[in-house]
Amino acid sequence: MSHQEDLAAVQSRLDELVRRVGELEQTVDRLRASGPVTPAPSRAATARTELVTIPDAPYDNALWTDSDDEGLGVRDRHAP
């Protein structure tokens, strides 16, 4: 493409961008004029969460018996 064609393409894209921004501004103005929108409560806000108490007692060492099989590497060596 020649320099003039490149400039024409850039100008065309810039004109399209300006047109779309204008449309977006009009849409925002209409939405603001229609009044405040109250958002619907999210599922996370409406779901009840149960608190789980974690004891301060140390964990049983039997929980870590096969921990080397979890892909973290063997003890006393570096992980891959």
Protein backbone atom coordinates (compact mmCIF):
# COMPACT_ATOMS: atom_id res chain seq x y z
CA MET A 1 0.00 0.00 0.00
CA SER A 2 1.16 3.48 -0.69
CA HIS A 3 1.50 6.17 1.93
CA GLN A 4 -1.69 7.87 0.72
CA GLU A 5 -3.68 4.64 0.91
CA ASP A 6 -2.40 4.03 4.44
CA LEU A 7 -3.44 7.54 5.49
CA ALA A 8 -6.86 7.10 3.91
CA ALA A 9 -7.35 3.79 5.74
CA VAL A 10 -6.32 5.35 9.05
CA GLN A 11 -8.64 8.31 8.48
CA SER A 12 -11.51 5.96 7.67
CA ARG A 13 -10.93 3.98 10.86
CA LEU A 14 -10.64 7.15 12.89
CA ASP A 15 -13.93 8.44 11.48
CA GLU A 16 -15.59 5.14 12.37
CA LEU A 17 -14.20 5.36 15.90
CA VAL A 18 -15.50 8.91 16.33
CA ARG A 19 -18.93 7.82 15.08
CA ARG A 20 -19.07 4.88 17.50
CA VAL A 21 -17.95 6.99 20.46
CA GLY A 22 -20.74 9.44 19.61
CA GLU A 23 -23.26 6.60 19.62
CA LEU A 24 -21.92 5.37 22.95
CA GLU A 25 -22.23 8.85 24.46
CA GLN A 26 -25.85 9.07 23.29
CA THR A 27 -26.60 5.66 24.82
CA VAL A 28 -25.05 6.69 28.13
CA ASP A 29 -27.02 9.95 28.12
CA ARG A 30 -30.27 8.03 27.53
CA LEU A 31 -29.48 5.61 30.33
CA ARG A 32 -28.71 8.44 32.73
CA ALA A 33 -31.93 10.22 31.79
CA SER A 34 -34.00 7.10 32.45
CA GLY A 35 -33.09 7.20 36.14
CA PRO A 36 -30.97 5.19 38.48
CA VAL A 37 -30.76 1.49 37.89
CA THR A 38 -30.78 -0.76 40.92
CA PRO A 39 -28.58 -3.76 40.26
CA ALA A 40 -29.97 -7.18 40.95
CA PRO A 41 -28.39 -8.86 43.94
CA SER A 42 -25.71 -11.30 42.94
CA ARG A 43 -25.92 -14.97 43.83
CA ALA A 44 -22.89 -14.59 46.06
CA ALA A 45 -24.59 -11.85 48.05
CA THR A 46 -27.80 -13.83 48.48
CA ALA A 47 -26.19 -17.16 49.34
CA ARG A 48 -25.86 -17.88 53.02
CA THR A 49 -22.40 -18.84 54.09
CA GLU A 50 -21.76 -21.06 57.04
CA LEU A 51 -18.74 -20.35 59.15
CA VAL A 52 -16.44 -23.27 59.75
CA THR A 53 -14.42 -23.26 62.93
CA ILE A 54 -10.88 -24.51 62.45
CA PRO A 55 -9.38 -25.94 65.62
CA ASP A 56 -5.99 -24.77 66.89
CA ALA A 57 -4.90 -28.33 67.62
CA PRO A 58 -2.12 -29.65 65.38
CA TYR A 59 -3.11 -31.88 62.47
CA ASP A 60 -2.62 -35.61 62.68
CA ASN A 61 0.67 -36.61 60.97
CA ALA A 62 -1.17 -39.47 59.23
CA LEU A 63 -2.70 -36.84 56.92
CA TRP A 64 0.70 -36.27 55.31
CA THR A 65 1.70 -39.94 54.87
CA ASP A 66 1.51 -40.05 51.04
CA SER A 67 2.10 -36.38 50.35
CA ASP A 68 4.99 -37.19 47.99
CA ASP A 69 2.44 -38.61 45.54
CA GLU A 70 0.78 -35.24 45.00
CA GLY A 71 3.17 -34.02 42.30
CA LEU A 72 5.07 -31.66 44.56
CA GLY A 73 8.26 -33.70 44.53
CA VAL A 74 10.01 -35.86 47.03
CA ARG A 75 11.04 -34.44 50.39
CA ASP A 76 14.62 -33.20 50.61
CA ARG A 77 14.77 -32.67 46.84
CA HIS A 78 13.77 -29.77 44.62
CA ALA A 79 10.51 -29.82 42.72
CA PRO A 80 10.86 -30.06 38.92
